[in-house]
Amino acid sequence: MRKILILTFIVLCNCSYGQVAIIKDKDGYTNVRKEPNINSKVIYKLKDSEVFIYEDSDTAENSNWIAVNIFKNKFSIESGNDQLLLGYIHKSRLYPLEKLKAYNGNRFSFSYKLQKFDFENKITNYDGKYVTKINGRRFYGTDGNIPKIQVSQINASVDGKNINIPDVLFEDIFECDNDFVINKNKEDYIIHQWNSDGAGGYLIVWVLDKNKVKQRLIFIP
């Protein structure tokens, strides 16, 4: 039942909200401009495997440019809409995640260690009825209800070498499972999934190389 709810949620979100992409550029980066034209000021440079949100509806159909939203915090920690940088890139540089080939090799592994939500050593904030924060932080996976599933550890490795993923990057995500889509872009691995309790859905995208976590994007439609 949970997977049916998540699938329905994904379909609805993809129809009406922004999608996630990387860039494809032989230079390894592409310029983000303030306005949708070549003479506009460059406000940021998107690099290989850096994930971002793009919005088809924010640009004209006949335009060669597309609107992008870039999280100012690379790990989406306490990031809301006020933490997004809006700009434009040339459409020829856009490469949606769904166009990447699925990774089916055995060099890379990624999985959550999951357990039932435990109140021990957790401080929760309430607004009278709903949970608003856990351990002083915004959290993802429910719409104000108490979470049921928490991540206690993430195991990731490349060629048998473990990659350390700090607790701070999974202490705020709940209602997860180990059903991922994994892609590879050059030497980077991109892992993404939708998680939800049926109402508080979110997309999470991890970007790792052989040494570290490069980015964590969390998007709530």
N, C-alpha and C. Protein backbone atom coordinates (compact mmCIF):
# COMPACT_ATOMS: atom_id res chain seq x y z
N MET A 1 0.83 -1.21 0.00
CA MET A 1 0.00 0.00 0.00
C MET A 1 0.87 1.26 0.00
N ARG A 2 1.95 1.21 0.81
CA ARG A 2 2.84 2.37 0.89
C ARG A 2 3.45 2.68 -0.46
N LYS A 3 3.87 1.64 -1.20
CA LYS A 3 4.48 1.86 -2.52
C LYS A 3 3.48 2.42 -3.52
N ILE A 4 2.20 2.01 -3.39
CA ILE A 4 1.17 2.56 -4.27
C ILE A 4 0.99 4.05 -4.01
N LEU A 5 0.97 4.44 -2.74
CA LEU A 5 0.83 5.85 -2.39
C LEU A 5 2.00 6.66 -2.90
N ILE A 6 3.21 6.12 -2.75
CA ILE A 6 4.40 6.84 -3.22
C ILE A 6 4.38 6.97 -4.74
N LEU A 7 4.00 5.88 -5.44
CA LEU A 7 3.95 5.94 -6.90
C LEU A 7 2.95 6.98 -7.37
N THR A 8 1.78 7.02 -6.73
CA THR A 8 0.78 8.04 -7.06
C THR A 8 1.33 9.43 -6.83
N PHE A 9 2.03 9.60 -5.73
CA PHE A 9 2.63 10.88 -5.37
C PHE A 9 3.65 11.31 -6.42
N ILE A 10 4.48 10.37 -6.86
CA ILE A 10 5.50 10.68 -7.87
C ILE A 10 4.86 11.15 -9.17
N VAL A 11 3.84 10.43 -9.61
CA VAL A 11 3.17 10.79 -10.87
C VAL A 11 2.59 12.19 -10.78
N LEU A 12 1.91 12.49 -9.67
CA LEU A 12 1.31 13.81 -9.50
C LEU A 12 2.37 14.89 -9.46
N CYS A 13 3.47 14.63 -8.77
CA CYS A 13 4.53 15.63 -8.63
C CYS A 13 5.21 15.91 -9.96
N ASN A 14 5.48 14.85 -10.73
CA ASN A 14 6.17 15.04 -11.99
C ASN A 14 5.33 15.81 -12.99
N CYS A 15 4.00 15.78 -12.79
CA CYS A 15 3.12 16.49 -13.72
C CYS A 15 3.06 17.98 -13.41
N SER A 16 3.33 18.37 -12.17
CA SER A 16 3.04 19.74 -11.79
C SER A 16 4.19 20.48 -11.13
N TYR A 17 5.31 19.83 -10.89
CA TYR A 17 6.39 20.49 -10.19
C TYR A 17 7.70 20.33 -10.95
N GLY A 18 8.70 21.03 -10.44
CA GLY A 18 10.00 21.00 -11.08
C GLY A 18 10.62 19.62 -11.04
N GLN A 19 11.55 19.38 -11.95
CA GLN A 19 12.25 18.11 -12.01
C GLN A 19 13.73 18.34 -11.74
N VAL A 20 14.47 17.23 -11.62
CA VAL A 20 15.87 17.31 -11.21
C VAL A 20 16.76 16.92 -12.38
N ALA A 21 17.88 17.62 -12.50
CA ALA A 21 18.78 17.38 -13.63
C ALA A 21 20.22 17.65 -13.21
N ILE A 22 21.13 17.28 -14.12
CA ILE A 22 22.52 17.70 -14.05
C ILE A 22 22.82 18.43 -15.36
N ILE A 23 24.06 18.89 -15.50
CA ILE A 23 24.44 19.52 -16.77
C ILE A 23 25.30 18.57 -17.59
N LYS A 24 25.27 18.77 -18.89
CA LYS A 24 26.17 18.08 -19.80
C LYS A 24 26.91 19.14 -20.59
N ASP A 25 28.18 19.30 -20.28
CA ASP A 25 28.98 20.33 -20.94
C ASP A 25 30.41 19.84 -21.03
N LYS A 26 31.01 19.93 -22.21
CA LYS A 26 32.37 19.43 -22.41
C LYS A 26 33.38 20.16 -21.54
N ASP A 27 33.03 21.36 -21.09
CA ASP A 27 33.94 22.13 -20.24
C ASP A 27 33.86 21.70 -18.78
N GLY A 28 32.87 20.87 -18.43
CA GLY A 28 32.74 20.42 -17.05
C GLY A 28 31.93 21.37 -16.18
N TYR A 29 31.44 22.44 -16.76
CA TYR A 29 30.59 23.39 -16.02
C TYR A 29 29.75 24.16 -17.03
N THR A 30 28.72 24.80 -16.54
CA THR A 30 27.94 25.69 -17.39
C THR A 30 27.53 26.91 -16.59
N ASN A 31 27.43 28.04 -17.25
CA ASN A 31 27.10 29.30 -16.58
C ASN A 31 25.60 29.40 -16.29
N VAL A 32 25.31 29.86 -15.09
CA VAL A 32 23.93 30.18 -14.72
C VAL A 32 23.80 31.70 -14.79
N ARG A 33 22.83 32.18 -15.54
CA ARG A 33 22.69 33.62 -15.74
C ARG A 33 21.46 34.16 -15.03
N LYS A 34 21.54 35.44 -14.70
CA LYS A 34 20.45 36.08 -13.95
C LYS A 34 19.18 36.17 -14.77
N GLU A 35 19.30 36.41 -16.05
CA GLU A 35 18.17 36.50 -16.97
C GLU A 35 18.39 35.54 -18.14
N PRO A 36 17.32 35.16 -18.86
CA PRO A 36 17.45 34.17 -19.93
C PRO A 36 18.00 34.74 -21.24
N ASN A 37 19.24 35.23 -21.19
CA ASN A 37 19.90 35.67 -22.42
C ASN A 37 21.40 35.64 -22.22
N ILE A 38 22.13 35.55 -23.31
CA ILE A 38 23.58 35.33 -23.29
C ILE A 38 24.34 36.52 -22.71
N ASN A 39 23.73 37.69 -22.73
CA ASN A 39 24.42 38.88 -22.23
C ASN A 39 24.16 39.15 -20.75
N SER A 40 23.33 38.33 -20.13
CA SER A 40 23.00 38.54 -18.73
C SER A 40 24.17 38.14 -17.82
N LYS A 41 24.17 38.69 -16.63
CA LYS A 41 25.24 38.44 -15.66
C LYS A 41 25.29 36.97 -15.25
N VAL A 42 26.51 36.43 -15.17
CA VAL A 42 26.71 35.07 -14.66
C VAL A 42 26.67 35.12 -13.14
N ILE A 43 25.74 34.37 -12.54
CA ILE A 43 25.59 34.41 -11.08
C ILE A 43 26.07 33.13 -10.41
N TYR A 44 26.36 32.10 -11.22
CA TYR A 44 26.79 30.83 -10.63
C TYR A 44 27.32 29.95 -11.75
N LYS A 45 28.12 28.96 -11.39
CA LYS A 45 28.59 27.97 -12.36
C LYS A 45 28.20 26.58 -11.86
N LEU A 46 27.34 25.90 -12.61
CA LEU A 46 26.97 24.53 -12.28
C LEU A 46 28.06 23.59 -12.78
N LYS A 47 28.49 22.66 -11.93
CA LYS A 47 29.55 21.74 -12.29
C LYS A 47 29.00 20.34 -12.56
N ASP A 48 29.84 19.50 -13.15
CA ASP A 48 29.46 18.12 -13.45
C ASP A 48 28.87 17.43 -12.22
N SER A 49 27.79 16.73 -12.42
CA SER A 49 27.11 15.91 -11.40
C SER A 49 26.44 16.71 -10.30
N GLU A 50 26.44 18.02 -10.40
CA GLU A 50 25.74 18.84 -9.41
C GLU A 50 24.25 18.84 -9.77
N VAL A 51 23.42 18.37 -8.86
CA VAL A 51 21.99 18.26 -9.15
C VAL A 51 21.26 19.55 -8.79
N PHE A 52 20.22 19.83 -9.56
CA PHE A 52 19.44 21.06 -9.36
C PHE A 52 18.03 20.82 -9.88
N ILE A 53 17.15 21.76 -9.59
CA ILE A 53 15.76 21.67 -10.03
C ILE A 53 15.56 22.58 -11.23
N TYR A 54 14.82 22.11 -12.22
CA TYR A 54 14.52 22.97 -13.36
C TYR A 54 13.01 23.08 -13.54
N GLU A 55 12.59 24.20 -14.10
CA GLU A 55 11.16 24.50 -14.24
C GLU A 55 10.83 24.86 -15.69
N ASP A 56 10.20 23.93 -16.39
CA ASP A 56 9.78 24.19 -17.77
C ASP A 56 8.79 25.35 -17.86
N SER A 57 7.95 25.49 -16.86
CA SER A 57 6.86 26.46 -16.92
C SER A 57 7.33 27.90 -16.76
N ASP A 58 8.58 28.08 -16.31
CA ASP A 58 9.08 29.43 -16.05
C ASP A 58 9.72 30.10 -17.26
N THR A 59 9.77 29.41 -18.39
CA THR A 59 10.35 29.99 -19.60
C THR A 59 9.42 29.73 -20.78
N ALA A 60 9.49 30.59 -21.77
CA ALA A 60 8.64 30.45 -22.95
C ALA A 60 9.03 29.21 -23.75
N GLU A 61 8.05 28.63 -24.43
CA GLU A 61 8.29 27.40 -25.19
C GLU A 61 9.34 27.59 -26.27
N ASN A 62 9.39 28.77 -26.86
CA ASN A 62 10.33 29.01 -27.96
C ASN A 62 11.67 29.54 -27.46
N SER A 63 11.86 29.57 -26.15
CA SER A 63 13.11 30.07 -25.60
C SER A 63 14.18 28.98 -25.61
N ASN A 64 15.43 29.40 -25.75
CA ASN A 64 16.55 28.47 -25.66
C ASN A 64 17.06 28.34 -24.24
N TRP A 65 16.37 29.00 -23.31
CA TRP A 65 16.81 29.02 -21.92
C TRP A 65 15.77 28.36 -21.03
N ILE A 66 16.24 27.88 -19.89
CA ILE A 66 15.33 27.24 -18.95
C ILE A 66 15.67 27.69 -17.53
N ALA A 67 14.64 27.87 -16.72
CA ALA A 67 14.82 28.33 -15.34
C ALA A 67 15.31 27.18 -14.46
N VAL A 68 16.28 27.49 -13.60
CA VAL A 68 16.81 26.49 -12.66
C VAL A 68 16.80 27.06 -11.25
N ASN A 69 16.60 26.17 -10.29
CA ASN A 69 16.69 26.52 -8.88
C ASN A 69 17.81 25.70 -8.26
N ILE A 70 18.74 26.40 -7.63
CA ILE A 70 19.93 25.77 -7.06
C ILE A 70 19.92 25.99 -5.56
N PHE A 71 20.05 24.90 -4.80
CA PHE A 71 20.08 25.04 -3.34
C PHE A 71 21.41 25.67 -2.92
N LYS A 72 21.30 26.73 -2.11
CA LYS A 72 22.50 27.41 -1.63
C LYS A 72 23.31 26.53 -0.69
N ASN A 73 22.61 25.66 0.04
CA ASN A 73 23.27 24.71 0.92
C ASN A 73 23.42 23.38 0.18
N LYS A 74 24.63 22.92 -0.02
CA LYS A 74 24.90 21.72 -0.82
C LYS A 74 24.28 20.45 -0.23
N PHE A 75 23.91 20.50 1.04
CA PHE A 75 23.39 19.30 1.68
C PHE A 75 21.95 19.46 2.15
N SER A 76 21.28 20.51 1.68
CA SER A 76 19.87 20.75 1.99
C SER A 76 19.60 20.68 3.49
N ILE A 77 20.48 21.27 4.27
CA ILE A 77 20.28 21.32 5.72
C ILE A 77 19.54 22.61 6.05
N GLU A 78 18.34 22.43 6.62
CA GLU A 78 17.49 23.57 6.96
C GLU A 78 17.23 24.46 5.75
N SER A 79 17.06 23.86 4.60
CA SER A 79 16.88 24.64 3.37
C SER A 79 15.40 24.74 3.01
N GLY A 80 14.92 25.97 2.86
CA GLY A 80 13.57 26.21 2.38
C GLY A 80 13.63 26.96 1.07
N ASN A 81 12.50 27.48 0.63
CA ASN A 81 12.45 28.21 -0.64
C ASN A 81 13.31 29.46 -0.63
N ASP A 82 13.54 30.03 0.57
CA ASP A 82 14.38 31.22 0.65
C ASP A 82 15.86 30.89 0.48
N GLN A 83 16.17 29.60 0.42
CA GLN A 83 17.56 29.17 0.24
C GLN A 83 17.83 28.68 -1.18
N LEU A 84 17.00 29.12 -2.11
CA LEU A 84 17.17 28.74 -3.50
C LEU A 84 17.70 29.91 -4.33
N LEU A 85 18.63 29.63 -5.21
CA LEU A 85 19.13 30.62 -6.15
C LEU A 85 18.45 30.37 -7.49
N LEU A 86 17.72 31.37 -7.98
CA LEU A 86 17.03 31.25 -9.26
C LEU A 86 17.90 31.83 -10.37
N GLY A 87 18.04 31.08 -11.46
CA GLY A 87 18.79 31.56 -12.61
C GLY A 87 18.35 30.83 -13.86
N TYR A 88 19.14 30.98 -14.94
CA TYR A 88 18.78 30.38 -16.22
C TYR A 88 20.01 29.76 -16.87
N ILE A 89 19.83 28.61 -17.49
CA ILE A 89 20.90 28.00 -18.27
C ILE A 89 20.37 27.71 -19.67
N HIS A 90 21.30 27.53 -20.61
CA HIS A 90 20.90 27.19 -21.98
C HIS A 90 20.35 25.77 -21.99
N LYS A 91 19.25 25.57 -22.69
CA LYS A 91 18.58 24.26 -22.70
C LYS A 91 19.49 23.14 -23.20
N SER A 92 20.44 23.48 -24.05
CA SER A 92 21.33 22.45 -24.60
C SER A 92 22.23 21.84 -23.53
N ARG A 93 22.34 22.50 -22.39
CA ARG A 93 23.21 22.01 -21.30
C ARG A 93 22.44 21.18 -20.27
N LEU A 94 21.13 21.15 -20.40
CA LEU A 94 20.28 20.45 -19.42
C LEU A 94 20.25 18.95 -19.70
N TYR A 95 20.43 18.16 -18.64
CA TYR A 95 20.37 16.70 -18.78
C TYR A 95 19.60 16.12 -17.60
N PRO A 96 18.29 15.86 -17.79
CA PRO A 96 17.45 15.33 -16.70
C PRO A 96 17.97 13.99 -16.19
N LEU A 97 17.78 13.75 -14.90
CA LEU A 97 18.28 12.51 -14.30
C LEU A 97 17.73 11.26 -14.99
N GLU A 98 16.46 11.33 -15.44
CA GLU A 98 15.86 10.14 -16.04
C GLU A 98 16.53 9.73 -17.35
N LYS A 99 17.36 10.62 -17.92
CA LYS A 99 18.07 10.27 -19.15
C LYS A 99 19.37 9.52 -18.87
N LEU A 100 19.83 9.56 -17.63
CA LEU A 100 21.04 8.82 -17.27
C LEU A 100 20.74 7.32 -17.25
N LYS A 101 21.71 6.53 -17.65
CA LYS A 101 21.54 5.09 -17.61
C LYS A 101 21.60 4.59 -16.17
N ALA A 102 20.78 3.60 -15.87
CA ALA A 102 20.82 3.00 -14.54
C ALA A 102 22.16 2.28 -14.35
N TYR A 103 22.71 2.40 -13.14
CA TYR A 103 23.96 1.72 -12.83
C TYR A 103 23.65 0.33 -12.29
N ASN A 104 24.20 -0.69 -12.93
CA ASN A 104 23.95 -2.07 -12.52
C ASN A 104 25.23 -2.81 -12.17
N GLY A 105 26.30 -2.06 -11.96
CA GLY A 105 27.58 -2.69 -11.65
C GLY A 105 27.67 -3.13 -10.20
N ASN A 106 28.83 -3.69 -9.85
CA ASN A 106 29.04 -4.14 -8.48
C ASN A 106 30.18 -3.42 -7.77
N ARG A 107 30.69 -2.37 -8.38
CA ARG A 107 31.76 -1.60 -7.74
C ARG A 107 31.22 -0.71 -6.63
N PHE A 108 29.98 -0.28 -6.78
CA PHE A 108 29.39 0.68 -5.84
C PHE A 108 28.22 0.06 -5.10
N SER A 109 28.14 0.35 -3.80
CA SER A 109 26.99 -0.10 -3.02
C SER A 109 26.53 1.02 -2.10
N PHE A 110 25.22 1.04 -1.83
CA PHE A 110 24.63 2.09 -1.00
C PHE A 110 23.37 1.52 -0.37
N SER A 111 23.26 1.64 0.95
CA SER A 111 22.05 1.15 1.62
C SER A 111 21.89 1.84 2.97
N TYR A 112 20.62 1.94 3.40
CA TYR A 112 20.30 2.45 4.72
C TYR A 112 20.20 1.30 5.71
N LYS A 113 20.62 1.55 6.93
CA LYS A 113 20.26 0.67 8.04
C LYS A 113 19.04 1.31 8.69
N LEU A 114 17.92 0.61 8.66
CA LEU A 114 16.65 1.18 9.10
C LEU A 114 16.20 0.56 10.41
N GLN A 115 15.47 1.34 11.20
CA GLN A 115 14.88 0.82 12.43
C GLN A 115 13.62 1.62 12.75
N LYS A 116 12.84 1.11 13.68
CA LYS A 116 11.66 1.83 14.11
C LYS A 116 12.08 3.13 14.78
N PHE A 117 11.26 4.17 14.60
CA PHE A 117 11.56 5.47 15.21
C PHE A 117 11.65 5.31 16.72
N ASP A 118 12.71 5.88 17.29
CA ASP A 118 12.97 5.77 18.72
C ASP A 118 13.05 7.16 19.32
N PHE A 119 12.24 7.42 20.34
CA PHE A 119 12.23 8.73 20.99
C PHE A 119 13.47 8.97 21.86
N GLU A 120 14.22 7.93 22.16
CA GLU A 120 15.37 8.08 23.06
C GLU A 120 16.37 9.09 22.50
N ASN A 121 16.78 10.02 23.34
CA ASN A 121 17.76 11.07 22.98
C ASN A 121 17.29 11.96 21.84
N LYS A 122 15.98 12.07 21.67
CA LYS A 122 15.43 12.99 20.68
C LYS A 122 14.58 14.04 21.37
N ILE A 123 14.75 15.28 20.96
CA ILE A 123 13.96 16.38 21.48
C ILE A 123 13.01 16.82 20.38
N THR A 124 11.72 16.73 20.64
CA THR A 124 10.74 17.08 19.61
C THR A 124 10.01 18.36 19.97
N ASN A 125 9.77 19.18 18.95
CA ASN A 125 8.99 20.41 19.12
C ASN A 125 7.59 20.19 18.56
N TYR A 126 6.60 20.70 19.27
CA TYR A 126 5.22 20.61 18.83
C TYR A 126 4.62 22.00 18.71
N ASP A 127 3.66 22.15 17.80
CA ASP A 127 2.94 23.42 17.72
C ASP A 127 1.55 23.29 18.34
N GLY A 128 1.40 22.30 19.20
CA GLY A 128 0.12 22.04 19.84
C GLY A 128 -0.46 20.73 19.40
N LYS A 129 -0.29 20.42 18.10
CA LYS A 129 -0.84 19.18 17.55
C LYS A 129 0.18 18.39 16.75
N TYR A 130 1.01 19.10 15.98
CA TYR A 130 1.92 18.43 15.08
C TYR A 130 3.38 18.59 15.51
N VAL A 131 4.20 17.62 15.12
CA VAL A 131 5.64 17.72 15.34
C VAL A 131 6.21 18.69 14.32
N THR A 132 6.95 19.69 14.78
CA THR A 132 7.53 20.68 13.88
C THR A 132 9.03 20.51 13.69
N LYS A 133 9.71 19.99 14.71
CA LYS A 133 11.15 19.78 14.61
C LYS A 133 11.55 18.57 15.45
N ILE A 134 12.62 17.93 15.03
CA ILE A 134 13.21 16.85 15.80
C ILE A 134 14.67 17.19 16.04
N ASN A 135 15.06 17.21 17.31
CA ASN A 135 16.41 17.64 17.70
C ASN A 135 16.76 19.01 17.13
N GLY A 136 15.76 19.90 17.15
CA GLY A 136 15.98 21.27 16.72
C GLY A 136 16.06 21.48 15.23
N ARG A 137 15.76 20.45 14.45
CA ARG A 137 15.90 20.55 13.00
C ARG A 137 14.60 20.24 12.28
N ARG A 138 14.43 20.88 11.15
CA ARG A 138 13.36 20.49 10.24
C ARG A 138 13.58 19.04 9.85
N PHE A 139 12.51 18.29 9.66
CA PHE A 139 12.67 16.89 9.27
C PHE A 139 11.77 16.57 8.09
N TYR A 140 12.06 15.44 7.43
CA TYR A 140 11.39 15.08 6.19
C TYR A 140 10.79 13.67 6.29
N GLY A 141 9.60 13.51 5.72
CA GLY A 141 8.99 12.19 5.65
C GLY A 141 7.58 12.11 6.16
N THR A 142 7.18 13.05 7.03
CA THR A 142 5.79 13.08 7.49
C THR A 142 5.29 14.51 7.40
N ASP A 143 3.99 14.63 7.47
CA ASP A 143 3.36 15.95 7.42
C ASP A 143 2.93 16.38 8.82
N GLY A 144 3.89 16.30 9.75
CA GLY A 144 3.63 16.69 11.13
C GLY A 144 3.34 15.53 12.06
N ASN A 145 3.23 14.32 11.52
CA ASN A 145 3.03 13.15 12.36
C ASN A 145 4.36 12.64 12.91
N ILE A 146 4.29 11.81 13.93
CA ILE A 146 5.50 11.19 14.46
C ILE A 146 5.99 10.16 13.45
N PRO A 147 7.27 10.21 13.07
CA PRO A 147 7.79 9.24 12.10
C PRO A 147 7.70 7.81 12.63
N LYS A 148 7.69 6.87 11.69
CA LYS A 148 7.66 5.46 12.06
C LYS A 148 9.00 4.78 11.82
N ILE A 149 9.74 5.27 10.81
CA ILE A 149 11.00 4.64 10.43
C ILE A 149 12.12 5.68 10.41
N GLN A 150 13.25 5.34 11.01
CA GLN A 150 14.40 6.24 10.99
C GLN A 150 15.61 5.52 10.39
N VAL A 151 16.57 6.32 9.93
CA VAL A 151 17.83 5.79 9.41
C VAL A 151 18.86 5.87 10.53
N SER A 152 19.46 4.76 10.87
CA SER A 152 20.46 4.76 11.94
C SER A 152 21.88 4.75 11.40
N GLN A 153 22.02 4.42 10.10
CA GLN A 153 23.35 4.37 9.49
C GLN A 153 23.19 4.27 7.99
N ILE A 154 24.17 4.80 7.26
CA ILE A 154 24.21 4.59 5.81
C ILE A 154 25.52 3.89 5.47
N ASN A 155 25.41 2.79 4.75
CA ASN A 155 26.58 2.05 4.31
C ASN A 155 26.80 2.30 2.82
N ALA A 156 27.95 2.86 2.50
CA ALA A 156 28.28 3.15 1.10
C ALA A 156 29.74 2.80 0.86
N SER A 157 30.02 2.25 -0.31
CA SER A 157 31.41 1.89 -0.63
C SER A 157 31.63 1.88 -2.13
N VAL A 158 32.87 2.13 -2.51
CA VAL A 158 33.31 2.00 -3.90
C VAL A 158 34.54 1.11 -3.91
N ASP A 159 34.49 0.03 -4.68
CA ASP A 159 35.59 -0.94 -4.75
C ASP A 159 36.00 -1.43 -3.36
N GLY A 160 35.02 -1.61 -2.49
CA GLY A 160 35.29 -2.12 -1.16
C GLY A 160 35.75 -1.08 -0.15
N LYS A 161 35.97 0.15 -0.61
CA LYS A 161 36.39 1.23 0.29
C LYS A 161 35.16 1.95 0.82
N ASN A 162 35.02 1.98 2.15
CA ASN A 162 33.87 2.62 2.76
C ASN A 162 33.92 4.13 2.62
N ILE A 163 32.75 4.72 2.41
CA ILE A 163 32.62 6.17 2.32
C ILE A 163 31.88 6.64 3.56
N ASN A 164 32.48 7.53 4.30
CA ASN A 164 31.86 8.02 5.53
C ASN A 164 30.73 9.00 5.20
N ILE A 165 29.56 8.74 5.76
CA ILE A 165 28.42 9.65 5.61
C ILE A 165 28.03 10.12 7.01
N PRO A 166 28.28 11.38 7.33
CA PRO A 166 28.05 11.89 8.68
C PRO A 166 26.59 11.76 9.12
N ASP A 167 26.40 11.56 10.42
CA ASP A 167 25.05 11.42 10.98
C ASP A 167 24.16 12.60 10.63
N VAL A 168 24.74 13.79 10.57
CA VAL A 168 23.95 14.99 10.32
C VAL A 168 23.20 14.92 8.99
N LEU A 169 23.67 14.06 8.08
CA LEU A 169 23.04 13.96 6.76
C LEU A 169 21.90 12.94 6.70
N PHE A 170 21.70 12.19 7.78
CA PHE A 170 20.54 11.28 7.76
C PHE A 170 19.68 11.37 9.01
N GLU A 171 20.03 12.24 9.95
CA GLU A 171 19.23 12.39 11.16
C GLU A 171 17.89 13.08 10.90
N ASP A 172 17.75 13.73 9.77
CA ASP A 172 16.51 14.47 9.49
C ASP A 172 15.63 13.81 8.43
N ILE A 173 16.00 12.62 7.97
CA ILE A 173 15.19 11.94 6.95
C ILE A 173 14.51 10.71 7.55
N PHE A 174 13.22 10.58 7.26
CA PHE A 174 12.43 9.49 7.83
C PHE A 174 11.55 8.85 6.76
N GLU A 175 10.96 7.72 7.12
CA GLU A 175 10.06 6.97 6.23
C GLU A 175 10.78 6.52 4.95
N CYS A 176 12.06 6.15 5.11
CA CYS A 176 12.87 5.71 3.97
C CYS A 176 12.74 4.20 3.77
N ASP A 177 13.16 3.75 2.59
CA ASP A 177 13.35 2.32 2.35
C ASP A 177 14.61 2.17 1.50
N ASN A 178 14.90 0.95 1.10
CA ASN A 178 16.11 0.72 0.32
C ASN A 178 15.81 0.46 -1.15
N ASP A 179 14.82 1.16 -1.65
CA ASP A 179 14.45 1.09 -3.06
C ASP A 179 14.96 2.36 -3.74
N PHE A 180 16.09 2.25 -4.45
CA PHE A 180 16.74 3.41 -5.06
C PHE A 180 16.82 3.26 -6.58
N VAL A 181 17.04 4.39 -7.22
CA VAL A 181 17.56 4.41 -8.59
C VAL A 181 18.99 4.92 -8.49
N ILE A 182 19.92 4.18 -9.05
CA ILE A 182 21.33 4.58 -9.02
C ILE A 182 21.81 4.82 -10.44
N ASN A 183 22.41 5.99 -10.66
CA ASN A 183 23.01 6.33 -11.95
C ASN A 183 24.48 6.65 -11.75
N LYS A 184 25.22 6.58 -12.82
CA LYS A 184 26.63 6.98 -12.77
C LYS A 184 26.88 8.03 -13.83
N ASN A 185 27.55 9.11 -13.42
CA ASN A 185 27.96 10.17 -14.34
C ASN A 185 29.45 10.38 -14.18
N LYS A 186 30.21 9.97 -15.19
CA LYS A 186 31.67 9.97 -15.10
C LYS A 186 32.09 9.15 -13.89
N GLU A 187 32.73 9.76 -12.88
CA GLU A 187 33.17 8.99 -11.71
C GLU A 187 32.27 9.23 -10.50
N ASP A 188 31.12 9.82 -10.72
CA ASP A 188 30.19 10.11 -9.63
C ASP A 188 28.98 9.18 -9.69
N TYR A 189 28.49 8.85 -8.51
CA TYR A 189 27.29 8.01 -8.39
C TYR A 189 26.14 8.88 -7.87
N ILE A 190 25.00 8.78 -8.54
CA ILE A 190 23.83 9.59 -8.18
C ILE A 190 22.72 8.63 -7.77
N ILE A 191 22.29 8.76 -6.52
CA ILE A 191 21.29 7.87 -5.94
C ILE A 191 20.05 8.70 -5.64
N HIS A 192 18.88 8.25 -6.09
CA HIS A 192 17.69 9.06 -5.81
C HIS A 192 16.48 8.19 -5.55
N GLN A 193 15.56 8.74 -4.75
CA GLN A 193 14.34 8.02 -4.38
C GLN A 193 13.32 9.00 -3.84
N TRP A 194 12.04 8.61 -3.90
CA TRP A 194 10.96 9.34 -3.23
C TRP A 194 10.62 8.60 -1.95
N ASN A 195 10.46 9.35 -0.85
CA ASN A 195 10.07 8.77 0.43
C ASN A 195 8.83 9.49 0.95
N SER A 196 7.99 8.76 1.67
CA SER A 196 6.76 9.37 2.15
C SER A 196 6.05 8.45 3.13
N ASP A 197 5.26 9.05 4.04
CA ASP A 197 4.35 8.28 4.88
C ASP A 197 2.96 8.28 4.25
N GLY A 198 2.87 8.80 3.03
CA GLY A 198 1.59 8.94 2.35
C GLY A 198 1.17 10.38 2.19
N ALA A 199 1.79 11.28 2.99
CA ALA A 199 1.44 12.71 2.91
C ALA A 199 2.67 13.58 2.84
N GLY A 200 3.68 13.31 3.67
CA GLY A 200 4.85 14.19 3.74
C GLY A 200 5.95 13.77 2.80
N GLY A 201 5.64 13.66 1.52
CA GLY A 201 6.59 13.13 0.55
C GLY A 201 7.74 14.07 0.22
N TYR A 202 8.88 13.48 -0.10
CA TYR A 202 10.05 14.26 -0.52
C TYR A 202 10.93 13.42 -1.43
N LEU A 203 11.64 14.11 -2.29
CA LEU A 203 12.65 13.48 -3.14
C LEU A 203 14.01 13.72 -2.51
N ILE A 204 14.81 12.68 -2.41
CA ILE A 204 16.18 12.85 -1.93
C ILE A 204 17.14 12.33 -3.00
N VAL A 205 18.18 13.11 -3.26
CA VAL A 205 19.21 12.75 -4.24
C VAL A 205 20.57 12.85 -3.55
N TRP A 206 21.31 11.76 -3.59
CA TRP A 206 22.68 11.73 -3.07
C TRP A 206 23.66 11.72 -4.24
N VAL A 207 24.75 12.46 -4.10
CA VAL A 207 25.83 12.42 -5.09
C VAL A 207 27.12 12.07 -4.36
N LEU A 208 27.74 10.96 -4.74
CA LEU A 208 28.97 10.50 -4.09
C LEU A 208 30.03 10.23 -5.14
N ASP A 209 31.28 10.45 -4.76
CA ASP A 209 32.38 9.92 -5.55
C ASP A 209 33.07 8.84 -4.71
N LYS A 210 34.25 8.42 -5.08
CA LYS A 210 34.88 7.30 -4.37
C LYS A 210 35.39 7.68 -2.99
N ASN A 211 35.38 8.98 -2.68
CA ASN A 211 35.93 9.42 -1.40
C ASN A 211 34.92 10.02 -0.43
N LYS A 212 33.84 10.60 -0.96
CA LYS A 212 32.99 11.40 -0.06
C LYS A 212 31.59 11.64 -0.65
N VAL A 213 30.74 12.19 0.22
CA VAL A 213 29.45 12.71 -0.24
C VAL A 213 29.68 14.10 -0.80
N LYS A 214 29.29 14.33 -2.04
CA LYS A 214 29.48 15.63 -2.67
C LYS A 214 28.25 16.52 -2.52
N GLN A 215 27.08 15.89 -2.44
CA GLN A 215 25.85 16.68 -2.39
C GLN A 215 24.70 15.81 -1.89
N ARG A 216 23.78 16.46 -1.20
CA ARG A 216 22.49 15.84 -0.84
C ARG A 216 21.42 16.86 -1.15
N LEU A 217 20.52 16.52 -2.05
CA LEU A 217 19.42 17.42 -2.39
C LEU A 217 18.12 16.83 -1.87
N ILE A 218 17.35 17.64 -1.17
CA ILE A 218 16.02 17.24 -0.73
C ILE A 218 15.03 18.23 -1.30
N PHE A 219 14.03 17.70 -1.99
CA PHE A 219 13.04 18.53 -2.65
C PHE A 219 11.65 18.12 -2.22
N ILE A 220 10.89 19.09 -1.70
CA ILE A 220 9.49 18.87 -1.34
C ILE A 220 8.63 19.63 -2.33
N PRO A 221 7.81 18.95 -3.12
CA PRO A 221 6.98 19.65 -4.10
C PRO A 221 5.91 20.51 -3.44
